[in-house]
Amino acid sequence: VLSEARECAERGEELEAMVQDVCKPNEFERYMMFI
């Protein structure tokens, strides 16, 4: 489960980078606060 959690965290970081690239700063901040 911890291994799966690490993989999930990596996917989360990739997703975060993508969201940061495409969204406006205030939208990205909403995303980050939600996560």
PDB file of all heavy atoms in Angstrom:
ATOM      1  N   VAL A   1       0.840  -1.201   0.000  1.00  0.00           N
ATOM      2  CA  VAL A   1       0.000   0.000   0.000  1.00  0.00           C
ATOM      3  C   VAL A   1       0.877   1.254   0.000  1.00  0.00           C
ATOM      4  O   VAL A   1       0.585   2.225  -0.709  1.00  0.00           O
ATOM      5  CB  VAL A   1      -0.992  -0.009   1.178  1.00  0.00           C
ATOM      6  CG1 VAL A   1      -1.691   1.333   1.333  1.00  0.00           C
ATOM      7  CG2 VAL A   1      -2.013  -1.116   0.994  1.00  0.00           C
ATOM      8  N   LEU A   2       1.951   1.242   0.772  1.00  0.00           N
ATOM      9  CA  LEU A   2       2.859   2.392   0.791  1.00  0.00           C
ATOM     10  C   LEU A   2       3.515   2.597  -0.566  1.00  0.00           C
ATOM     11  O   LEU A   2       3.705   3.730  -1.015  1.00  0.00           O
ATOM     12  CB  LEU A   2       3.920   2.224   1.885  1.00  0.00           C
ATOM     13  CG  LEU A   2       3.416   2.342   3.321  1.00  0.00           C
ATOM     14  CD1 LEU A   2       4.526   2.021   4.323  1.00  0.00           C
ATOM     15  CD2 LEU A   2       2.844   3.730   3.583  1.00  0.00           C
ATOM     16  N   SER A   3       3.836   1.491  -1.238  1.00  0.00           N
ATOM     17  CA  SER A   3       4.394   1.573  -2.585  1.00  0.00           C
ATOM     18  C   SER A   3       3.369   2.182  -3.550  1.00  0.00           C
ATOM     19  O   SER A   3       3.704   3.052  -4.364  1.00  0.00           O
ATOM     20  CB  SER A   3       4.815   0.179  -3.054  1.00  0.00           C
ATOM     21  OG  SER A   3       5.243   0.219  -4.386  1.00  0.00           O
ATOM     22  N   GLU A   4       2.124   1.733  -3.448  1.00  0.00           N
ATOM     23  CA  GLU A   4       1.055   2.303  -4.275  1.00  0.00           C
ATOM     24  C   GLU A   4       0.868   3.781  -3.963  1.00  0.00           C
ATOM     25  O   GLU A   4       0.611   4.586  -4.868  1.00  0.00           O
ATOM     26  CB  GLU A   4      -0.259   1.556  -4.043  1.00  0.00           C
ATOM     27  CG  GLU A   4      -0.296   0.163  -4.623  1.00  0.00           C
ATOM     28  CD  GLU A   4      -1.616  -0.547  -4.311  1.00  0.00           C
ATOM     29  OE1 GLU A   4      -2.680   0.106  -4.403  1.00  0.00           O
ATOM     30  OE2 GLU A   4      -1.566  -1.741  -3.981  1.00  0.00           O
ATOM     31  N   ALA A   5       0.985   4.146  -2.695  1.00  0.00           N
ATOM     32  CA  ALA A   5       0.836   5.550  -2.291  1.00  0.00           C
ATOM     33  C   ALA A   5       1.953   6.405  -2.896  1.00  0.00           C
ATOM     34  O   ALA A   5       1.704   7.545  -3.313  1.00  0.00           O
ATOM     35  CB  ALA A   5       0.823   5.674  -0.770  1.00  0.00           C
ATOM     36  N   ARG A   6       3.167   5.850  -2.954  1.00  0.00           N
ATOM     37  CA  ARG A   6       4.276   6.590  -3.574  1.00  0.00           C
ATOM     38  C   ARG A   6       4.006   6.787  -5.067  1.00  0.00           C
ATOM     39  O   ARG A   6       4.228   7.876  -5.605  1.00  0.00           O
ATOM     40  CB  ARG A   6       5.600   5.869  -3.346  1.00  0.00           C
ATOM     41  CG  ARG A   6       6.153   6.035  -1.927  1.00  0.00           C
ATOM     42  CD  ARG A   6       7.563   5.482  -1.785  1.00  0.00           C
ATOM     43  NE  ARG A   6       7.625   4.032  -1.900  1.00  0.00           N
ATOM     44  CZ  ARG A   6       7.428   3.182  -0.905  1.00  0.00           C
ATOM     45  NH1 ARG A   6       7.126   3.630   0.301  1.00  0.00           N
ATOM     46  NH2 ARG A   6       7.519   1.875  -1.096  1.00  0.00           N
ATOM     47  N   GLU A   7       3.516   5.739  -5.730  1.00  0.00           N
ATOM     48  CA  GLU A   7       3.182   5.850  -7.159  1.00  0.00           C
ATOM     49  C   GLU A   7       2.077   6.881  -7.364  1.00  0.00           C
ATOM     50  O   GLU A   7       2.121   7.674  -8.312  1.00  0.00           O
ATOM     51  CB  GLU A   7       2.743   4.499  -7.711  1.00  0.00           C
ATOM     52  CG  GLU A   7       3.851   3.485  -7.835  1.00  0.00           C
ATOM     53  CD  GLU A   7       3.340   2.092  -8.227  1.00  0.00           C
ATOM     54  OE1 GLU A   7       2.191   1.977  -8.704  1.00  0.00           O
ATOM     55  OE2 GLU A   7       4.114   1.130  -8.049  1.00  0.00           O
ATOM     56  N   CYS A   8       1.088   6.865  -6.494  1.00  0.00           N
ATOM     57  CA  CYS A   8      -0.018   7.821  -6.572  1.00  0.00           C
ATOM     58  C   CYS A   8       0.511   9.248  -6.376  1.00  0.00           C
ATOM     59  O   CYS A   8       0.086  10.176  -7.077  1.00  0.00           O
ATOM     60  CB  CYS A   8      -1.082   7.480  -5.530  1.00  0.00           C
ATOM     61  SG  CYS A   8      -2.542   8.538  -5.576  1.00  0.00           S
ATOM     62  N   ALA A   9       1.423   9.424  -5.446  1.00  0.00           N
ATOM     63  CA  ALA A   9       2.014  10.745  -5.205  1.00  0.00           C
ATOM     64  C   ALA A   9       2.774  11.228  -6.440  1.00  0.00           C
ATOM     65  O   ALA A   9       2.713  12.420  -6.788  1.00  0.00           O
ATOM     66  CB  ALA A   9       2.936  10.703  -3.986  1.00  0.00           C
ATOM     67  N   GLU A  10       3.466  10.315  -7.107  1.00  0.00           N
ATOM     68  CA  GLU A  10       4.175  10.682  -8.348  1.00  0.00           C
ATOM     69  C   GLU A  10       3.180  11.118  -9.417  1.00  0.00           C
ATOM     70  O   GLU A  10       3.404  12.122 -10.115  1.00  0.00           O
ATOM     71  CB  GLU A  10       5.027   9.515  -8.851  1.00  0.00           C
ATOM     72  CG  GLU A  10       6.242   9.236  -7.993  1.00  0.00           C
ATOM     73  CD  GLU A  10       6.968   7.939  -8.398  1.00  0.00           C
ATOM     74  OE1 GLU A  10       6.636   7.361  -9.459  1.00  0.00           O
ATOM     75  OE2 GLU A  10       7.856   7.521  -7.631  1.00  0.00           O
ATOM     76  N   ARG A  11       2.080  10.359  -9.561  1.00  0.00           N
ATOM     77  CA  ARG A  11       1.034  10.753 -10.522  1.00  0.00           C
ATOM     78  C   ARG A  11       0.461  12.110 -10.144  1.00  0.00           C
ATOM     79  O   ARG A  11       0.171  12.939 -11.008  1.00  0.00           O
ATOM     80  CB  ARG A  11      -0.068   9.707 -10.586  1.00  0.00           C
ATOM     81  CG  ARG A  11       0.307   8.475 -11.387  1.00  0.00           C
ATOM     82  CD  ARG A  11      -0.897   7.612 -11.733  1.00  0.00           C
ATOM     83  NE  ARG A  11      -1.682   7.171 -10.586  1.00  0.00           N
ATOM     84  CZ  ARG A  11      -1.411   6.104  -9.840  1.00  0.00           C
ATOM     85  NH1 ARG A  11      -0.354   5.360 -10.111  1.00  0.00           N
ATOM     86  NH2 ARG A  11      -2.190   5.777  -8.830  1.00  0.00           N
ATOM     87  N   GLY A  12       0.313  12.334  -8.840  1.00  0.00           N
ATOM     88  CA  GLY A  12      -0.188  13.616  -8.364  1.00  0.00           C
ATOM     89  C   GLY A  12       0.736  14.764  -8.720  1.00  0.00           C
ATOM     90  O   GLY A  12       0.267  15.851  -9.099  1.00  0.00           O
ATOM     91  N   GLU A  13       2.038  14.536  -8.621  1.00  0.00           N
ATOM     92  CA  GLU A  13       3.008  15.575  -8.977  1.00  0.00           C
ATOM     93  C   GLU A  13       2.956  15.873 -10.477  1.00  0.00           C
ATOM     94  O   GLU A  13       3.043  17.039 -10.884  1.00  0.00           O
ATOM     95  CB  GLU A  13       4.421  15.155  -8.556  1.00  0.00           C
ATOM     96  CG  GLU A  13       4.619  15.178  -7.051  1.00  0.00           C
ATOM     97  CD  GLU A  13       5.945  14.559  -6.615  1.00  0.00           C
ATOM     98  OE1 GLU A  13       6.789  14.237  -7.486  1.00  0.00           O
ATOM     99  OE2 GLU A  13       6.137  14.392  -5.395  1.00  0.00           O
ATOM    100  N   GLU A  14       2.822  14.813 -11.281  1.00  0.00           N
ATOM    101  CA  GLU A  14       2.710  15.006 -12.727  1.00  0.00           C
ATOM    102  C   GLU A  14       1.442  15.785 -13.059  1.00  0.00           C
ATOM    103  O   GLU A  14       1.458  16.712 -13.881  1.00  0.00           O
ATOM    104  CB  GLU A  14       2.696  13.652 -13.447  1.00  0.00           C
ATOM    105  CG  GLU A  14       3.993  12.895 -13.360  1.00  0.00           C
ATOM    106  CD  GLU A  14       3.864  11.422 -13.759  1.00  0.00           C
ATOM    107  OE1 GLU A  14       2.762  11.007 -14.187  1.00  0.00           O
ATOM    108  OE2 GLU A  14       4.875  10.702 -13.635  1.00  0.00           O
ATOM    109  N   LEU A  15       0.349  15.419 -12.416  1.00  0.00           N
ATOM    110  CA  LEU A  15      -0.924  16.100 -12.620  1.00  0.00           C
ATOM    111  C   LEU A  15      -0.832  17.559 -12.179  1.00  0.00           C
ATOM    112  O   LEU A  15      -1.311  18.464 -12.871  1.00  0.00           O
ATOM    113  CB  LEU A  15      -2.015  15.362 -11.842  1.00  0.00           C
ATOM    114  CG  LEU A  15      -3.454  15.752 -12.080  1.00  0.00           C
ATOM    115  CD1 LEU A  15      -3.843  15.561 -13.544  1.00  0.00           C
ATOM    116  CD2 LEU A  15      -4.373  14.913 -11.205  1.00  0.00           C
ATOM    117  N   GLU A  16      -0.190  17.781 -11.052  1.00  0.00           N
ATOM    118  CA  GLU A  16      -0.008  19.145 -10.543  1.00  0.00           C
ATOM    119  C   GLU A  16       0.741  20.012 -11.548  1.00  0.00           C
ATOM    120  O   GLU A  16       0.347  21.158 -11.817  1.00  0.00           O
ATOM    121  CB  GLU A  16       0.760  19.089  -9.223  1.00  0.00           C
ATOM    122  CG  GLU A  16       1.040  20.427  -8.599  1.00  0.00           C
ATOM    123  CD  GLU A  16       1.860  20.298  -7.324  1.00  0.00           C
ATOM    124  OE1 GLU A  16       1.673  19.324  -6.567  1.00  0.00           O
ATOM    125  OE2 GLU A  16       2.697  21.192  -7.085  1.00  0.00           O
ATOM    126  N   ALA A  17       1.812  19.471 -12.124  1.00  0.00           N
ATOM    127  CA  ALA A  17       2.593  20.226 -13.105  1.00  0.00           C
ATOM    128  C   ALA A  17       1.744  20.548 -14.338  1.00  0.00           C
ATOM    129  O   ALA A  17       1.795  21.676 -14.853  1.00  0.00           O
ATOM    130  CB  ALA A  17       3.838  19.434 -13.501  1.00  0.00           C
ATOM    131  N   MET A  18       0.965  19.584 -14.779  1.00  0.00           N
ATOM    132  CA  MET A  18       0.112  19.795 -15.939  1.00  0.00           C
ATOM    133  C   MET A  18      -0.939  20.867 -15.639  1.00  0.00           C
ATOM    134  O   MET A  18      -1.169  21.768 -16.441  1.00  0.00           O
ATOM    135  CB  MET A  18      -0.562  18.490 -16.358  1.00  0.00           C
ATOM    136  CG  MET A  18      -1.453  18.636 -17.570  1.00  0.00           C
ATOM    137  SD  MET A  18      -2.206  17.096 -18.103  1.00  0.00           S
ATOM    138  CE  MET A  18      -3.093  16.587 -16.642  1.00  0.00           C
ATOM    139  N   VAL A  19      -1.577  20.769 -14.472  1.00  0.00           N
ATOM    140  CA  VAL A  19      -2.598  21.742 -14.093  1.00  0.00           C
ATOM    141  C   VAL A  19      -1.991  23.136 -13.980  1.00  0.00           C
ATOM    142  O   VAL A  19      -2.587  24.123 -14.433  1.00  0.00           O
ATOM    143  CB  VAL A  19      -3.296  21.313 -12.779  1.00  0.00           C
ATOM    144  CG1 VAL A  19      -4.177  22.417 -12.227  1.00  0.00           C
ATOM    145  CG2 VAL A  19      -4.118  20.041 -13.004  1.00  0.00           C
ATOM    146  N   GLN A  20      -0.815  23.211 -13.435  1.00  0.00           N
ATOM    147  CA  GLN A  20      -0.150  24.512 -13.302  1.00  0.00           C
ATOM    148  C   GLN A  20       0.135  25.109 -14.676  1.00  0.00           C
ATOM    149  O   GLN A  20       0.008  26.323 -14.867  1.00  0.00           O
ATOM    150  CB  GLN A  20       1.150  24.383 -12.505  1.00  0.00           C
ATOM    151  CG  GLN A  20       1.791  25.717 -12.198  1.00  0.00           C
ATOM    152  CD  GLN A  20       2.957  25.598 -11.249  1.00  0.00           C
ATOM    153  OE1 GLN A  20       3.561  24.527 -11.118  1.00  0.00           O
ATOM    154  NE2 GLN A  20       3.292  26.680 -10.581  1.00  0.00           N
ATOM    155  N   ASP A  21       0.489  24.264 -15.638  1.00  0.00           N
ATOM    156  CA  ASP A  21       0.784  24.733 -16.995  1.00  0.00           C
ATOM    157  C   ASP A  21      -0.446  25.283 -17.705  1.00  0.00           C
ATOM    158  O   ASP A  21      -0.349  26.244 -18.458  1.00  0.00           O
ATOM    159  CB  ASP A  21       1.386  23.606 -17.850  1.00  0.00           C
ATOM    160  CG  ASP A  21       2.819  23.286 -17.473  1.00  0.00           C
ATOM    161  OD1 ASP A  21       3.467  24.117 -16.791  1.00  0.00           O
ATOM    162  OD2 ASP A  21       3.301  22.208 -17.871  1.00  0.00           O
ATOM    163  N   VAL A  22      -1.612  24.666 -17.478  1.00  0.00           N
ATOM    164  CA  VAL A  22      -2.797  25.036 -18.272  1.00  0.00           C
ATOM    165  C   VAL A  22      -3.756  25.997 -17.576  1.00  0.00           C
ATOM    166  O   VAL A  22      -4.518  26.684 -18.243  1.00  0.00           O
ATOM    167  CB  VAL A  22      -3.571  23.775 -18.744  1.00  0.00           C
ATOM    168  CG1 VAL A  22      -2.697  22.904 -19.628  1.00  0.00           C
ATOM    169  CG2 VAL A  22      -4.149  22.988 -17.587  1.00  0.00           C
ATOM    170  N   CYS A  23      -3.738  26.050 -16.264  1.00  0.00           N
ATOM    171  CA  CYS A  23      -4.711  26.861 -15.528  1.00  0.00           C
ATOM    172  C   CYS A  23      -4.157  28.242 -15.180  1.00  0.00           C
ATOM    173  O   CYS A  23      -2.951  28.453 -15.141  1.00  0.00           O
ATOM    174  CB  CYS A  23      -5.120  26.174 -14.230  1.00  0.00           C
ATOM    175  SG  CYS A  23      -6.156  24.729 -14.470  1.00  0.00           S
ATOM    176  N   LYS A  24      -5.075  29.140 -14.890  1.00  0.00           N
ATOM    177  CA  LYS A  24      -4.705  30.455 -14.366  1.00  0.00           C
ATOM    178  C   LYS A  24      -4.202  30.262 -12.937  1.00  0.00           C
ATOM    179  O   LYS A  24      -4.578  29.297 -12.268  1.00  0.00           O
ATOM    180  CB  LYS A  24      -5.929  31.373 -14.371  1.00  0.00           C
ATOM    181  CG  LYS A  24      -6.483  31.643 -15.744  1.00  0.00           C
ATOM    182  CD  LYS A  24      -7.772  32.431 -15.649  1.00  0.00           C
ATOM    183  CE  LYS A  24      -8.424  32.536 -17.017  1.00  0.00           C
ATOM    184  NZ  LYS A  24      -9.810  33.020 -16.943  1.00  0.00           N
ATOM    185  N   PRO A  25      -3.372  31.188 -12.449  1.00  0.00           N
ATOM    186  CA  PRO A  25      -2.823  31.028 -11.089  1.00  0.00           C
ATOM    187  C   PRO A  25      -3.883  30.835  -9.998  1.00  0.00           C
ATOM    188  O   PRO A  25      -3.712  29.992  -9.116  1.00  0.00           O
ATOM    189  CB  PRO A  25      -2.032  32.322 -10.869  1.00  0.00           C
ATOM    190  CG  PRO A  25      -1.642  32.750 -12.245  1.00  0.00           C
ATOM    191  CD  PRO A  25      -2.793  32.346 -13.137  1.00  0.00           C
ATOM    192  N   ASN A  26      -4.981  31.588 -10.057  1.00  0.00           N
ATOM    193  CA  ASN A  26      -5.997  31.442  -9.010  1.00  0.00           C
ATOM    194  C   ASN A  26      -6.703  30.079  -9.119  1.00  0.00           C
ATOM    195  O   ASN A  26      -7.093  29.496  -8.105  1.00  0.00           O
ATOM    196  CB  ASN A  26      -7.004  32.588  -9.050  1.00  0.00           C
ATOM    197  CG  ASN A  26      -7.809  32.624 -10.342  1.00  0.00           C
ATOM    198  OD1 ASN A  26      -7.307  32.284 -11.417  1.00  0.00           O
ATOM    199  ND2 ASN A  26      -9.046  33.057 -10.241  1.00  0.00           N
ATOM    200  N   GLU A  27      -6.847  29.562 -10.332  1.00  0.00           N
ATOM    201  CA  GLU A  27      -7.453  28.242 -10.519  1.00  0.00           C
ATOM    202  C   GLU A  27      -6.512  27.144 -10.018  1.00  0.00           C
ATOM    203  O   GLU A  27      -6.946  26.185  -9.382  1.00  0.00           O
ATOM    204  CB  GLU A  27      -7.785  28.009 -12.000  1.00  0.00           C
ATOM    205  CG  GLU A  27      -8.857  28.937 -12.520  1.00  0.00           C
ATOM    206  CD  GLU A  27      -9.014  28.898 -14.027  1.00  0.00           C
ATOM    207  OE1 GLU A  27      -8.007  28.644 -14.736  1.00  0.00           O
ATOM    208  OE2 GLU A  27     -10.140  29.112 -14.507  1.00  0.00           O
ATOM    209  N   PHE A  28      -5.238  27.321 -10.299  1.00  0.00           N
ATOM    210  CA  PHE A  28      -4.242  26.364  -9.818  1.00  0.00           C
ATOM    211  C   PHE A  28      -4.221  26.361  -8.294  1.00  0.00           C
ATOM    212  O   PHE A  28      -4.137  25.290  -7.666  1.00  0.00           O
ATOM    213  CB  PHE A  28      -2.852  26.698 -10.370  1.00  0.00           C
ATOM    214  CG  PHE A  28      -1.768  25.816  -9.838  1.00  0.00           C
ATOM    215  CD1 PHE A  28      -1.727  24.472 -10.162  1.00  0.00           C
ATOM    216  CD2 PHE A  28      -0.795  26.321  -8.990  1.00  0.00           C
ATOM    217  CE1 PHE A  28      -0.723  23.635  -9.654  1.00  0.00           C
ATOM    218  CE2 PHE A  28       0.201  25.502  -8.481  1.00  0.00           C
ATOM    219  CZ  PHE A  28       0.234  24.157  -8.815  1.00  0.00           C
ATOM    220  N   GLU A  29      -4.339  27.535  -7.685  1.00  0.00           N
ATOM    221  CA  GLU A  29      -4.356  27.626  -6.228  1.00  0.00           C
ATOM    222  C   GLU A  29      -5.574  26.890  -5.656  1.00  0.00           C
ATOM    223  O   GLU A  29      -5.466  26.188  -4.651  1.00  0.00           O
ATOM    224  CB  GLU A  29      -4.381  29.088  -5.795  1.00  0.00           C
ATOM    225  CG  GLU A  29      -4.207  29.275  -4.307  1.00  0.00           C
ATOM    226  CD  GLU A  29      -4.117  30.740  -3.920  1.00  0.00           C
ATOM    227  OE1 GLU A  29      -3.484  31.525  -4.647  1.00  0.00           O
ATOM    228  OE2 GLU A  29      -4.695  31.087  -2.874  1.00  0.00           O
ATOM    229  N   ARG A  30      -6.727  27.016  -6.305  1.00  0.00           N
ATOM    230  CA  ARG A  30      -7.922  26.282  -5.871  1.00  0.00           C
ATOM    231  C   ARG A  30      -7.686  24.779  -5.946  1.00  0.00           C
ATOM    232  O   ARG A  30      -8.085  24.029  -5.051  1.00  0.00           O
ATOM    233  CB  ARG A  30      -9.114  26.631  -6.768  1.00  0.00           C
ATOM    234  CG  ARG A  30      -9.827  27.866  -6.370  1.00  0.00           C
ATOM    235  CD  ARG A  30     -11.051  27.989  -7.220  1.00  0.00           C
ATOM    236  NE  ARG A  30     -12.189  28.174  -6.356  1.00  0.00           N
ATOM    237  CZ  ARG A  30     -13.300  28.749  -6.734  1.00  0.00           C
ATOM    238  NH1 ARG A  30     -13.437  29.171  -7.967  1.00  0.00           N
ATOM    239  NH2 ARG A  30     -14.283  28.887  -5.894  1.00  0.00           N
ATOM    240  N   TYR A  31      -7.058  24.354  -7.031  1.00  0.00           N
ATOM    241  CA  TYR A  31      -6.749  22.930  -7.202  1.00  0.00           C
ATOM    242  C   TYR A  31      -5.850  22.460  -6.067  1.00  0.00           C
ATOM    243  O   TYR A  31      -6.119  21.427  -5.436  1.00  0.00           O
ATOM    244  CB  TYR A  31      -6.076  22.696  -8.564  1.00  0.00           C
ATOM    245  CG  TYR A  31      -5.472  21.331  -8.701  1.00  0.00           C
ATOM    246  CD1 TYR A  31      -6.260  20.238  -9.053  1.00  0.00           C
ATOM    247  CD2 TYR A  31      -4.119  21.116  -8.464  1.00  0.00           C
ATOM    248  CE1 TYR A  31      -5.718  18.968  -9.168  1.00  0.00           C
ATOM    249  CE2 TYR A  31      -3.565  19.847  -8.575  1.00  0.00           C
ATOM    250  CZ  TYR A  31      -4.360  18.785  -8.920  1.00  0.00           C
ATOM    251  OH  TYR A  31      -3.828  17.518  -9.020  1.00  0.00           O
ATOM    252  N   MET A  32      -4.781  23.197  -5.803  1.00  0.00           N
ATOM    253  CA  MET A  32      -3.825  22.802  -4.774  1.00  0.00           C
ATOM    254  C   MET A  32      -4.469  22.783  -3.386  1.00  0.00           C
ATOM    255  O   MET A  32      -4.192  21.889  -2.588  1.00  0.00           O
ATOM    256  CB  MET A  32      -2.605  23.740  -4.780  1.00  0.00           C
ATOM    257  CG  MET A  32      -1.725  23.580  -6.012  1.00  0.00           C
ATOM    258  SD  MET A  32      -1.127  21.886  -6.247  1.00  0.00           S
ATOM    259  CE  MET A  32      -0.091  21.700  -4.807  1.00  0.00           C
ATOM    260  N   MET A  33      -5.318  23.752  -3.109  1.00  0.00           N
ATOM    261  CA  MET A  33      -5.992  23.781  -1.807  1.00  0.00           C
ATOM    262  C   MET A  33      -6.914  22.567  -1.673  1.00  0.00           C
ATOM    263  O   MET A  33      -6.967  21.938  -0.615  1.00  0.00           O
ATOM    264  CB  MET A  33      -6.780  25.077  -1.634  1.00  0.00           C
ATOM    265  CG  MET A  33      -5.890  26.271  -1.335  1.00  0.00           C
ATOM    266  SD  MET A  33      -6.809  27.811  -1.137  1.00  0.00           S
ATOM    267  CE  MET A  33      -7.886  27.395   0.209  1.00  0.00           C
ATOM    268  N   PHE A  34      -7.620  22.241  -2.751  1.00  0.00           N
ATOM    269  CA  PHE A  34      -8.505  21.080  -2.708  1.00  0.00           C
ATOM    270  C   PHE A  34      -7.703  19.803  -2.453  1.00  0.00           C
ATOM    271  O   PHE A  34      -8.052  19.013  -1.567  1.00  0.00           O
ATOM    272  CB  PHE A  34      -9.311  20.939  -4.009  1.00  0.00           C
ATOM    273  CG  PHE A  34      -9.919  19.573  -4.150  1.00  0.00           C
ATOM    274  CD1 PHE A  34     -10.990  19.195  -3.348  1.00  0.00           C
ATOM    275  CD2 PHE A  34      -9.390  18.654  -5.040  1.00  0.00           C
ATOM    276  CE1 PHE A  34     -11.536  17.922  -3.445  1.00  0.00           C
ATOM    277  CE2 PHE A  34      -9.935  17.378  -5.138  1.00  0.00           C
ATOM    278  CZ  PHE A  34     -11.000  17.011  -4.346  1.00  0.00           C
ATOM    279  N   ILE A  35      -6.624  19.586  -3.187  1.00  0.00           N
ATOM    280  CA  ILE A  35      -5.822  18.363  -3.035  1.00  0.00           C
ATOM    281  C   ILE A  35      -5.250  18.281  -1.618  1.00  0.00           C
ATOM    282  O   ILE A  35      -5.272  17.221  -0.994  1.00  0.00           O
ATOM    283  CB  ILE A  35      -4.702  18.296  -4.098  1.00  0.00           C
ATOM    284  CG1 ILE A  35      -5.298  18.146  -5.507  1.00  0.00           C
ATOM    285  CG2 ILE A  35      -3.722  17.163  -3.799  1.00  0.00           C
ATOM    286  CD1 ILE A  35      -6.103  16.880  -5.735  1.00  0.00           C
TER     287      ILE A  35
END
